[in-house]
Amino acid sequence: KLFELDLQVLRAYKQRRTYVRVVNAEVEYLLWLHHGPQEGSAPPLVFLHGVGAGAVIYGTLLSHLAKTRSVIAVEVPGVSKAQDREVGPAAILDGLPSVVALALGSQKVYDVVCHSGGGWWTSVLLCAAARGQLEAPRRVVFMQTPCVVPAFLGIYLQGQGHYKESIPAPYTDRGG
C-alpha cells in the first residue's frame, strides 16, 4: 500500500522520457519533474534513487522537498522500474551526466540528494563535473550510502559479463 501511495503522490509530477546518446548506445532515462513553488524557491534538487524500484518509492519525500524548490528525480535504467531495454552499465553511467544537464537546462546551481546506490550515481556526476561536463552541485546529501561504493560497482559490473573493453573513464579495471 505504501508503494501505491507514493505512486499517487508522484502523479503530480510531470514524466519525461529523455534519451541520451553515448558512444555505442542510446540510453533512455525517465525523469519525474516537479516545478516547486512559483516564487522564492531554492535551487533545483536532483534526486538519485537507490537500487530497486526507482524514484517511485520516494514520492512522499520528493513532494516534501518540492514545497521549497523544483525537484528532478532521475530513474537510472537497469536498477529501477523505468527501464525499457538493457544497454549495459557503462552506457548508463556515461549517459547520467548528460541527462542531468539536459534536465537542468540553463540552471547552473543545483543540489543533489541521493539514497543508497544513488551515492554511486552521485560520484559519477562529481567526476563528470571535474571533467567539465556539467557544473558541480552546490550541495550533496548522501542518505544511507554504502562506504564501499566502488567495490559495489565492481561486483555489479562483473555480473554483467565481459566489461573490460566497455568500461568508461573514470572507472578502472583493478585486475579482477
Protein backbone atom coordinates (compact mmCIF):
# COMPACT_ATOMS: atom_id res chain seq x y z
CA LYS A 1 0.00 0.00 0.00
CA LEU A 2 2.91 2.36 0.67
CA PHE A 3 4.12 1.85 -2.91
CA GLU A 4 0.63 2.74 -4.22
CA LEU A 5 0.53 5.87 -2.02
CA ASP A 6 3.92 7.03 -3.32
CA LEU A 7 2.82 6.39 -6.89
CA GLN A 8 -0.29 8.53 -6.30
CA VAL A 9 1.89 11.33 -4.91
CA LEU A 10 4.16 11.22 -7.98
CA ARG A 11 1.18 11.66 -10.31
CA ALA A 12 1.50 15.39 -9.56
CA TYR A 13 4.90 15.22 -11.28
CA LYS A 14 5.40 15.59 -14.99
CA GLN A 15 7.01 12.50 -16.51
CA ARG A 16 9.51 12.89 -19.31
CA ARG A 17 11.44 10.19 -21.10
CA THR A 18 14.82 11.52 -22.11
CA TYR A 19 17.19 9.78 -24.50
CA VAL A 20 20.94 10.36 -24.30
CA ARG A 21 23.37 9.19 -26.98
CA VAL A 22 26.65 7.77 -25.67
CA VAL A 23 29.46 6.19 -27.68
CA ASN A 24 27.77 2.93 -28.70
CA ALA A 25 24.22 3.21 -27.38
CA GLU A 26 21.14 5.32 -26.86
CA VAL A 27 20.10 5.29 -23.21
CA GLU A 28 16.57 6.04 -22.03
CA TYR A 29 16.01 7.71 -18.66
CA LEU A 30 12.68 8.50 -17.03
CA LEU A 31 12.57 11.85 -15.24
CA TRP A 32 10.00 12.86 -12.64
CA LEU A 33 9.74 16.66 -12.69
CA HIS A 34 8.05 18.92 -10.15
CA HIS A 35 8.43 22.66 -10.66
CA GLY A 36 8.03 23.55 -6.98
CA PRO A 37 6.70 26.91 -5.79
CA GLN A 38 6.32 29.82 -8.20
CA GLU A 39 8.43 32.36 -6.29
CA GLY A 40 11.33 32.44 -3.87
CA SER A 41 12.38 28.85 -4.30
CA ALA A 42 15.76 27.33 -3.55
CA PRO A 43 17.95 25.94 -6.37
CA PRO A 44 16.59 22.80 -8.04
CA LEU A 45 17.18 19.46 -6.43
CA VAL A 46 18.36 16.41 -8.36
CA PHE A 47 17.33 13.20 -6.59
CA LEU A 48 19.16 9.93 -7.33
CA HIS A 49 17.46 6.80 -6.00
CA GLY A 50 18.97 3.61 -4.70
CA VAL A 51 18.94 0.20 -6.37
CA GLY A 52 15.47 -1.34 -6.67
CA ALA A 53 12.15 0.23 -7.56
CA GLY A 54 13.50 3.65 -8.51
CA ALA A 55 12.10 7.05 -7.56
CA VAL A 56 8.53 5.80 -7.12
CA ILE A 57 9.09 4.68 -3.53
CA TYR A 58 10.32 8.17 -2.57
CA GLY A 59 7.12 10.00 -3.58
CA THR A 60 6.32 11.39 -0.13
CA LEU A 61 9.91 12.61 0.43
CA LEU A 62 10.09 14.19 -3.03
CA SER A 63 6.77 16.00 -2.54
CA HIS A 64 8.00 17.39 0.77
CA LEU A 65 11.17 18.66 -0.94
CA ALA A 66 9.08 20.17 -3.77
CA LYS A 67 7.44 22.57 -1.30
CA THR A 68 10.54 24.80 -1.46
CA ARG A 69 12.16 24.01 -4.82
CA SER A 70 11.82 22.23 -8.12
CA VAL A 71 12.68 18.53 -7.98
CA ILE A 72 14.17 16.37 -10.73
CA ALA A 73 14.10 12.67 -9.84
CA VAL A 74 16.15 10.61 -12.29
CA GLU A 75 15.23 6.96 -12.85
CA VAL A 76 18.52 5.17 -13.52
CA PRO A 77 17.96 2.41 -16.11
CA GLY A 78 18.94 -1.10 -15.10
CA VAL A 79 18.28 -0.51 -11.41
CA SER A 80 14.71 0.83 -11.47
CA LYS A 81 11.31 0.02 -12.92
CA ALA A 82 11.71 2.65 -15.68
CA GLN A 83 13.97 0.66 -17.97
CA ASP A 84 12.62 -0.38 -21.36
CA ARG A 85 15.70 -2.18 -22.64
CA GLU A 86 19.18 -3.07 -21.38
CA VAL A 87 22.11 -1.10 -22.79
CA GLY A 88 24.76 -2.07 -20.24
CA PRO A 89 26.05 -0.41 -17.08
CA ALA A 90 28.88 1.50 -18.77
CA ALA A 91 26.50 3.27 -21.16
CA ILE A 92 24.08 4.05 -18.33
CA LEU A 93 26.81 5.64 -16.21
CA ASP A 94 28.22 7.56 -19.18
CA GLY A 95 24.78 9.00 -20.01
CA LEU A 96 23.86 10.10 -16.49
CA PRO A 97 25.73 13.47 -16.51
CA SER A 98 24.18 14.34 -19.88
CA VAL A 99 20.63 13.59 -18.77
CA VAL A 100 21.09 15.65 -15.59
CA ALA A 101 22.49 18.56 -17.63
CA LEU A 102 19.53 18.32 -20.05
CA ALA A 103 17.03 18.25 -17.17
CA LEU A 104 18.64 21.29 -15.52
CA GLY A 105 18.60 23.27 -18.77
CA SER A 106 20.15 26.70 -18.25
CA GLN A 107 20.14 26.31 -14.46
CA LYS A 108 23.75 26.12 -13.25
CA VAL A 109 23.22 25.96 -9.47
CA TYR A 110 21.61 22.81 -8.08
CA ASP A 111 21.72 20.45 -5.12
CA VAL A 112 21.80 16.63 -5.06
CA VAL A 113 20.17 14.23 -2.61
CA CYS A 114 20.94 10.55 -3.05
CA HIS A 115 19.99 7.38 -1.26
CA SER A 116 21.85 4.07 -1.07
CA GLY A 117 23.22 3.18 -4.54
CA GLY A 118 22.38 6.75 -5.57
CA GLY A 119 25.68 7.59 -3.88
CA TRP A 120 27.46 5.92 -6.75
CA TRP A 121 25.39 7.81 -9.36
CA THR A 122 26.33 10.99 -7.47
CA SER A 123 30.02 10.12 -7.65
CA VAL A 124 29.58 9.75 -11.43
CA LEU A 125 28.14 13.29 -11.53
CA LEU A 126 31.00 14.65 -9.41
CA CYS A 127 33.60 13.04 -11.71
CA ALA A 128 31.80 14.49 -14.74
CA ALA A 129 31.86 17.92 -13.08
CA ALA A 130 35.61 17.54 -12.51
CA ARG A 131 35.96 16.86 -16.26
CA GLY A 132 33.85 19.92 -17.13
CA GLN A 133 30.81 18.04 -18.48
CA LEU A 134 28.43 19.91 -16.16
CA GLU A 135 28.56 22.22 -13.17
CA ALA A 136 29.28 20.65 -9.79
CA PRO A 137 26.34 20.62 -7.39
CA ARG A 138 26.23 23.32 -4.71
CA ARG A 139 25.44 20.75 -2.01
CA VAL A 140 25.22 16.96 -1.83
CA VAL A 141 23.35 14.96 0.79
CA PHE A 142 24.13 11.23 1.00
CA MET A 143 21.47 9.10 2.73
CA GLN A 144 22.47 5.58 3.79
CA THR A 145 25.08 5.29 1.07
CA PRO A 146 27.43 2.31 1.36
CA CYS A 147 31.03 3.21 2.21
CA VAL A 148 32.37 0.68 -0.30
CA VAL A 149 30.59 2.04 -3.35
CA PRO A 150 33.47 1.38 -5.84
CA ALA A 151 33.57 -2.25 -4.73
CA PHE A 152 29.79 -2.43 -5.17
CA LEU A 153 30.10 -1.18 -8.75
CA GLY A 154 32.87 -3.70 -9.48
CA ILE A 155 30.66 -6.53 -8.26
CA TYR A 156 27.76 -5.22 -10.33
CA LEU A 157 29.85 -4.87 -13.49
CA GLN A 158 31.37 -8.34 -13.08
CA GLY A 159 27.84 -9.74 -13.07
CA GLN A 160 27.21 -8.14 -16.46
CA GLY A 161 29.54 -10.40 -18.45
CA HIS A 162 32.73 -9.17 -20.10
CA TYR A 163 33.02 -5.44 -19.32
CA LYS A 164 36.72 -4.59 -19.51
CA GLU A 165 36.59 -3.16 -23.06
CA SER A 166 33.42 -1.13 -22.46
CA ILE A 167 34.23 0.37 -19.08
CA PRO A 168 34.22 4.19 -19.36
CA ALA A 169 36.59 6.68 -17.75
CA PRO A 170 36.91 7.38 -14.80
CA TYR A 171 36.32 3.71 -13.95
CA THR A 172 39.36 1.50 -13.96
CA ASP A 173 39.87 -2.24 -14.00
CA ARG A 174 41.83 -3.32 -10.95
CA GLY A 175 42.57 -6.73 -12.45
CA GLY A 176 39.67 -8.75 -11.02
